[in-house]
Amino acid sequence: MRAFFLVIALIVNLLYISLSLFGLDTWLGIRVGTYNVLFGILLVSSFIFSLIVFLKGKRGEAGSVPVLSLVVLFLSVGTLGWYAFLNVLGLSMGGF
């Protein structure tokens, strides 16, 4: 079950990066600015969940997925940085 949630978190992170970097928000009809708060909550929750799974995996619990949780953890940190950068840039330039 942990692996399933980690894969969902990985997909959410990759979706946000692809929507914001490649300009796919207008092509797919999904406006990133409309769902900005939802993406923020999902990114923070994926970071916290992957951190918990990784720390539990370090103890050697059964059913842990340390490599996948580490991938999601680092991708979540990068995505949160990009999310914060876009919001600061958007707010400083009068957008959103």
N, C-alpha and C. Protein backbone atom coordinates (compact mmCIF):
# COMPACT_ATOMS: atom_id res chain seq x y z
N MET A 1 0.82 -1.19 0.00
CA MET A 1 0.00 0.00 0.00
C MET A 1 0.86 1.26 0.00
N ARG A 2 2.00 1.18 0.70
CA ARG A 2 2.90 2.34 0.72
C ARG A 2 3.44 2.63 -0.68
N ALA A 3 3.77 1.55 -1.40
CA ALA A 3 4.32 1.73 -2.74
C ALA A 3 3.28 2.38 -3.66
N PHE A 4 2.02 2.03 -3.49
CA PHE A 4 0.96 2.63 -4.30
C PHE A 4 0.87 4.13 -4.06
N PHE A 5 0.88 4.53 -2.79
CA PHE A 5 0.81 5.96 -2.47
C PHE A 5 2.07 6.70 -2.92
N LEU A 6 3.22 6.03 -2.86
CA LEU A 6 4.45 6.66 -3.34
C LEU A 6 4.41 6.86 -4.85
N VAL A 7 3.85 5.89 -5.57
CA VAL A 7 3.73 6.04 -7.03
C VAL A 7 2.76 7.17 -7.37
N ILE A 8 1.67 7.28 -6.62
CA ILE A 8 0.73 8.39 -6.83
C ILE A 8 1.41 9.73 -6.56
N ALA A 9 2.20 9.80 -5.49
CA ALA A 9 2.93 11.03 -5.17
C ALA A 9 3.95 11.35 -6.26
N LEU A 10 4.59 10.33 -6.80
CA LEU A 10 5.54 10.53 -7.89
C LEU A 10 4.84 11.08 -9.13
N ILE A 11 3.67 10.56 -9.43
CA ILE A 11 2.91 11.03 -10.59
C ILE A 11 2.47 12.48 -10.40
N VAL A 12 2.03 12.83 -9.19
CA VAL A 12 1.61 14.21 -8.91
C VAL A 12 2.79 15.17 -9.07
N ASN A 13 3.95 14.78 -8.56
CA ASN A 13 5.14 15.64 -8.69
C ASN A 13 5.54 15.81 -10.15
N LEU A 14 5.56 14.72 -10.90
CA LEU A 14 5.92 14.80 -12.31
C LEU A 14 4.89 15.59 -13.11
N LEU A 15 3.61 15.45 -12.75
CA LEU A 15 2.57 16.20 -13.43
C LEU A 15 2.74 17.70 -13.20
N TYR A 16 3.03 18.10 -11.97
CA TYR A 16 3.22 19.53 -11.69
C TYR A 16 4.43 20.08 -12.43
N ILE A 17 5.53 19.32 -12.43
CA ILE A 17 6.73 19.78 -13.13
C ILE A 17 6.47 19.90 -14.62
N SER A 18 5.81 18.90 -15.21
CA SER A 18 5.57 18.96 -16.65
C SER A 18 4.58 20.07 -17.01
N LEU A 19 3.57 20.29 -16.17
CA LEU A 19 2.61 21.35 -16.46
C LEU A 19 3.25 22.73 -16.38
N SER A 20 4.12 22.93 -15.41
CA SER A 20 4.69 24.26 -15.24
C SER A 20 5.90 24.52 -16.13
N LEU A 21 6.72 23.52 -16.36
CA LEU A 21 7.93 23.75 -17.15
C LEU A 21 7.68 23.79 -18.65
N PHE A 22 6.86 22.87 -19.13
CA PHE A 22 6.68 22.75 -20.57
C PHE A 22 5.47 23.48 -21.10
N GLY A 23 4.77 24.19 -20.25
CA GLY A 23 3.62 24.97 -20.71
C GLY A 23 2.45 24.11 -21.15
N LEU A 24 2.31 22.94 -20.56
CA LEU A 24 1.23 22.05 -20.95
C LEU A 24 -0.09 22.40 -20.30
N ASP A 25 -0.09 23.43 -19.45
CA ASP A 25 -1.33 23.78 -18.76
C ASP A 25 -2.39 24.28 -19.72
N THR A 26 -2.01 25.01 -20.75
CA THR A 26 -3.00 25.48 -21.71
C THR A 26 -3.32 24.41 -22.74
N TRP A 27 -2.37 23.52 -23.01
CA TRP A 27 -2.59 22.46 -24.00
C TRP A 27 -3.55 21.41 -23.46
N LEU A 28 -3.45 21.07 -22.20
CA LEU A 28 -4.33 20.07 -21.61
C LEU A 28 -5.62 20.66 -21.06
N GLY A 29 -5.71 21.96 -21.02
CA GLY A 29 -6.90 22.60 -20.48
C GLY A 29 -6.89 22.71 -18.97
N ILE A 30 -5.77 22.37 -18.34
CA ILE A 30 -5.65 22.47 -16.89
C ILE A 30 -4.84 23.72 -16.58
N ARG A 31 -5.43 24.63 -15.87
CA ARG A 31 -4.71 25.84 -15.47
C ARG A 31 -4.02 25.58 -14.14
N VAL A 32 -2.71 25.71 -14.12
CA VAL A 32 -1.95 25.46 -12.90
C VAL A 32 -2.32 26.49 -11.84
N GLY A 33 -2.55 27.72 -12.23
CA GLY A 33 -2.89 28.76 -11.27
C GLY A 33 -4.22 28.51 -10.58
N THR A 34 -5.15 27.84 -11.27
CA THR A 34 -6.45 27.54 -10.69
C THR A 34 -6.32 26.53 -9.56
N TYR A 35 -5.47 25.54 -9.76
CA TYR A 35 -5.28 24.47 -8.77
C TYR A 35 -4.00 24.66 -7.97
N ASN A 36 -3.58 25.89 -7.79
CA ASN A 36 -2.30 26.17 -7.13
C ASN A 36 -2.29 25.72 -5.67
N VAL A 37 -3.34 25.97 -4.94
CA VAL A 37 -3.40 25.57 -3.53
C VAL A 37 -3.48 24.05 -3.42
N LEU A 38 -4.24 23.42 -4.30
CA LEU A 38 -4.35 21.96 -4.29
C LEU A 38 -3.00 21.30 -4.57
N PHE A 39 -2.29 21.82 -5.57
CA PHE A 39 -0.95 21.28 -5.85
C PHE A 39 -0.01 21.50 -4.68
N GLY A 40 -0.10 22.65 -4.03
CA GLY A 40 0.75 22.90 -2.86
C GLY A 40 0.50 21.92 -1.74
N ILE A 41 -0.76 21.65 -1.46
CA ILE A 41 -1.10 20.68 -0.41
C ILE A 41 -0.63 19.29 -0.79
N LEU A 42 -0.82 18.90 -2.04
CA LEU A 42 -0.37 17.58 -2.48
C LEU A 42 1.15 17.44 -2.46
N LEU A 43 1.85 18.50 -2.81
CA LEU A 43 3.32 18.44 -2.80
C LEU A 43 3.86 18.34 -1.39
N VAL A 44 3.29 19.10 -0.47
CA VAL A 44 3.75 19.03 0.93
C VAL A 44 3.41 17.68 1.54
N SER A 45 2.21 17.17 1.25
CA SER A 45 1.84 15.87 1.81
C SER A 45 2.67 14.74 1.21
N SER A 46 3.03 14.83 -0.07
CA SER A 46 3.89 13.79 -0.65
C SER A 46 5.29 13.85 -0.06
N PHE A 47 5.77 15.06 0.24
CA PHE A 47 7.08 15.19 0.89
C PHE A 47 7.06 14.55 2.28
N ILE A 48 6.04 14.87 3.06
CA ILE A 48 5.96 14.34 4.43
C ILE A 48 5.78 12.82 4.41
N PHE A 49 4.92 12.32 3.53
CA PHE A 49 4.69 10.87 3.46
C PHE A 49 5.95 10.12 3.04
N SER A 50 6.65 10.63 2.03
CA SER A 50 7.86 9.94 1.58
C SER A 50 8.96 10.02 2.64
N LEU A 51 9.02 11.10 3.39
CA LEU A 51 9.99 11.20 4.48
C LEU A 51 9.69 10.18 5.58
N ILE A 52 8.42 10.03 5.92
CA ILE A 52 8.04 9.05 6.94
C ILE A 52 8.35 7.63 6.47
N VAL A 53 8.02 7.32 5.22
CA VAL A 53 8.29 5.97 4.70
C VAL A 53 9.78 5.71 4.64
N PHE A 54 10.56 6.72 4.25
CA PHE A 54 12.00 6.53 4.19
C PHE A 54 12.60 6.32 5.57
N LEU A 55 12.16 7.09 6.54
CA LEU A 55 12.69 6.94 7.90
C LEU A 55 12.28 5.61 8.53
N LYS A 56 11.07 5.15 8.24
CA LYS A 56 10.66 3.83 8.73
C LYS A 56 11.43 2.72 8.02
N GLY A 57 11.77 2.94 6.76
CA GLY A 57 12.55 1.95 6.02
C GLY A 57 13.98 1.84 6.52
N LYS A 58 14.50 2.93 7.07
CA LYS A 58 15.85 2.89 7.64
C LYS A 58 15.91 1.98 8.86
N ARG A 59 14.78 1.81 9.54
CA ARG A 59 14.74 0.92 10.70
C ARG A 59 14.63 -0.54 10.29
N GLY A 60 14.33 -0.79 9.03
CA GLY A 60 14.25 -2.16 8.54
C GLY A 60 12.87 -2.79 8.69
N GLU A 61 11.83 -1.99 8.68
CA GLU A 61 10.48 -2.53 8.78
C GLU A 61 10.12 -3.28 7.51
N ALA A 62 9.27 -4.26 7.65
CA ALA A 62 8.82 -5.03 6.49
C ALA A 62 7.88 -4.18 5.64
N GLY A 63 7.98 -4.35 4.34
CA GLY A 63 7.12 -3.62 3.42
C GLY A 63 7.59 -2.23 3.08
N SER A 64 8.80 -1.89 3.46
CA SER A 64 9.29 -0.56 3.14
C SER A 64 9.89 -0.54 1.74
N VAL A 65 9.82 0.60 1.11
CA VAL A 65 10.33 0.78 -0.24
C VAL A 65 11.31 1.94 -0.19
N PRO A 66 12.56 1.69 0.24
CA PRO A 66 13.47 2.82 0.49
C PRO A 66 13.89 3.57 -0.77
N VAL A 67 14.09 2.86 -1.88
CA VAL A 67 14.55 3.55 -3.10
C VAL A 67 13.44 4.44 -3.66
N LEU A 68 12.24 3.91 -3.74
CA LEU A 68 11.12 4.69 -4.27
C LEU A 68 10.81 5.88 -3.36
N SER A 69 10.88 5.67 -2.06
CA SER A 69 10.61 6.78 -1.15
C SER A 69 11.70 7.84 -1.23
N LEU A 70 12.93 7.43 -1.47
CA LEU A 70 14.02 8.39 -1.63
C LEU A 70 13.85 9.19 -2.93
N VAL A 71 13.42 8.53 -4.00
CA VAL A 71 13.17 9.22 -5.27
C VAL A 71 12.06 10.25 -5.09
N VAL A 72 10.97 9.84 -4.46
CA VAL A 72 9.85 10.76 -4.24
C VAL A 72 10.25 11.89 -3.30
N LEU A 73 11.08 11.59 -2.31
CA LEU A 73 11.54 12.61 -1.37
C LEU A 73 12.35 13.69 -2.08
N PHE A 74 13.32 13.30 -2.87
CA PHE A 74 14.14 14.29 -3.58
C PHE A 74 13.34 15.03 -4.65
N LEU A 75 12.46 14.32 -5.34
CA LEU A 75 11.63 14.98 -6.34
C LEU A 75 10.66 15.96 -5.68
N SER A 76 10.16 15.60 -4.51
CA SER A 76 9.26 16.51 -3.78
C SER A 76 9.98 17.76 -3.32
N VAL A 77 11.21 17.62 -2.88
CA VAL A 77 11.99 18.79 -2.46
C VAL A 77 12.22 19.72 -3.66
N GLY A 78 12.58 19.15 -4.79
CA GLY A 78 12.79 19.96 -5.99
C GLY A 78 11.51 20.61 -6.48
N THR A 79 10.41 19.87 -6.42
CA THR A 79 9.14 20.41 -6.86
C THR A 79 8.64 21.50 -5.92
N LEU A 80 8.85 21.30 -4.62
CA LEU A 80 8.47 22.35 -3.67
C LEU A 80 9.30 23.61 -3.87
N GLY A 81 10.56 23.46 -4.21
CA GLY A 81 11.40 24.62 -4.52
C GLY A 81 10.91 25.35 -5.75
N TRP A 82 10.54 24.60 -6.78
CA TRP A 82 10.03 25.22 -8.00
C TRP A 82 8.68 25.88 -7.73
N TYR A 83 7.84 25.23 -6.94
CA TYR A 83 6.54 25.79 -6.56
C TYR A 83 6.71 27.11 -5.81
N ALA A 84 7.62 27.13 -4.86
CA ALA A 84 7.86 28.36 -4.08
C ALA A 84 8.44 29.46 -4.97
N PHE A 85 9.35 29.09 -5.87
CA PHE A 85 9.94 30.07 -6.78
C PHE A 85 8.88 30.69 -7.68
N LEU A 86 8.01 29.86 -8.25
CA LEU A 86 6.97 30.39 -9.13
C LEU A 86 5.99 31.28 -8.37
N ASN A 87 5.66 30.90 -7.14
CA ASN A 87 4.73 31.73 -6.37
C ASN A 87 5.35 33.05 -5.97
N VAL A 88 6.61 33.05 -5.55
CA VAL A 88 7.28 34.31 -5.19
C VAL A 88 7.43 35.18 -6.43
N LEU A 89 7.81 34.57 -7.55
CA LEU A 89 7.95 35.33 -8.79
C LEU A 89 6.60 35.88 -9.24
N GLY A 90 5.57 35.06 -9.16
CA GLY A 90 4.24 35.51 -9.55
C GLY A 90 3.70 36.61 -8.67
N LEU A 91 3.93 36.50 -7.38
CA LEU A 91 3.45 37.54 -6.46
C LEU A 91 4.25 38.82 -6.59
N SER A 92 5.54 38.72 -6.86
CA SER A 92 6.35 39.94 -6.98
C SER A 92 6.07 40.67 -8.29
N MET A 93 5.63 39.95 -9.30
CA MET A 93 5.34 40.59 -10.58
C MET A 93 3.86 40.92 -10.74
N GLY A 94 3.06 40.62 -9.71
CA GLY A 94 1.66 40.99 -9.76
C GLY A 94 0.77 39.96 -10.43
N GLY A 95 1.25 38.75 -10.56
CA GLY A 95 0.44 37.71 -11.18
C GLY A 95 -0.43 36.98 -10.18
N PHE A 96 -1.04 35.94 -10.65
CA PHE A 96 -1.93 35.06 -9.88
C PHE A 96 -3.09 35.87 -9.39
